[in-house]
Amino acid sequence: MPNAKSDLYRSIVYFLQTECESGEYSSEITESLEVAKQCLESAFNLPAETNRSVPDLLALFNAASKGAKSSSQPEPTEEAKTMAETLKNQGNLCMKEGQFEEAIACYTKAIELSPYNAVYFCNRAAAHSRLEQQDKAIEDCQSALKIDPKYSKAYGRMGIAYSSLGDYSKAAEAYRKALELDPTNENCQQNLALAEERLKESGIGNAAGGGLDIGAILNNPMMQNIACQLMRDPNTQNAMADLFRSTFGAASGGSGGGGVPTNASTNAANSTSDTDAAQNGPIGGPPNVDQFLRLGQQLAQQLRAANPQLVDQLRQTFQNTSSDPAAGPTQ
């Protein structure tokens, strides 16, 4: 057997032997490792007493892993680092001036030149947050933490992004990790208190019969998008116009009144007008219930198409509220 292979097999046996002697494993695992060692010794006719001068496999593996990482990710030159720092400073100026897209471009170029600086990713996360690009902000914070797991500011900004998305559980978790690394950070302390308060309010709401957070629903980007679509929808515009005419029609039409009608044709017209008023609501009076129902039906259709789960949540909430005696009026 060639010496290289023999040394390799002996190294494997030595590794198994050290694992058996480490005391880190249960008796069953230790016994299995011992059996594997004996099988190798028997298969390759290795001596029972392993020569401890053989190479340490674990040390060789760690050295090879570090070498592969350093070769695939070369360290940036000093010139590249200097240019990246200049771009970062330009990005900071853009942030102060409210030019968030330009700031992102500067930070991105800095990252391309020096991809191992956690600050660049964290600064870009702040710019993404200002543009309401919270998912991208979270990704940048995670990238920063891969480079520097003890970078507390990245956890803090990740918490802000999660809070903006309404995920207060993950936000609170991020703030806690930030405070573990920087216990005196007052901003994180305040943000954690707010996130925990929101979680507490959410828990109370759920226990009280449905947990419907109207504020969260109204602040939901999807709901805001639906509202914009409704306002652009011609049917909605017509329904709103009918409501305004029904509510304010008397003010616009009352000034054109003439004398009392004296002929049959005028009486017939008044009769027709009375019929329309009976069906559509009196002009100048309160709006007809049917008009509100039409608006409600259009809103329900938009909600059902965009988010069926939200519709089910709303339905369940109202059912729980109507059936819960505690949800009645306060005496």
Foldseek 3Di string as FASTA:
>chain_A
DDPVVVLVLLLLLVQLVVVLVVPPDDPVVSVVSVVVSVVSCVVVVNDPDRDPVRDNPVVVVVVVVVVVVCVVPPAADPVLQVQLVVLQVVLVVCVVVVNLVSSLVSLVSSCVSGVLALVSLQSNLVSCVVVLVLVSSLVSLVSSCVSPVLPLSSLQSNLVSCVLVVNLVSSLVSLVSSCVSVVPPVVSVVSNVVSVVVVVLQVVLVVVFQSDDVVCCVSHVLNVVLVVVLVVDPVSVVLVVLQCQQQCVCVVPVVPDDDDDDDDVVVVVVVVLVVVCVVANNGNDHGDVVSVVVVVVVSVVSCCVRPVVVVVSVVRRVVRLVPDPVNDDDD
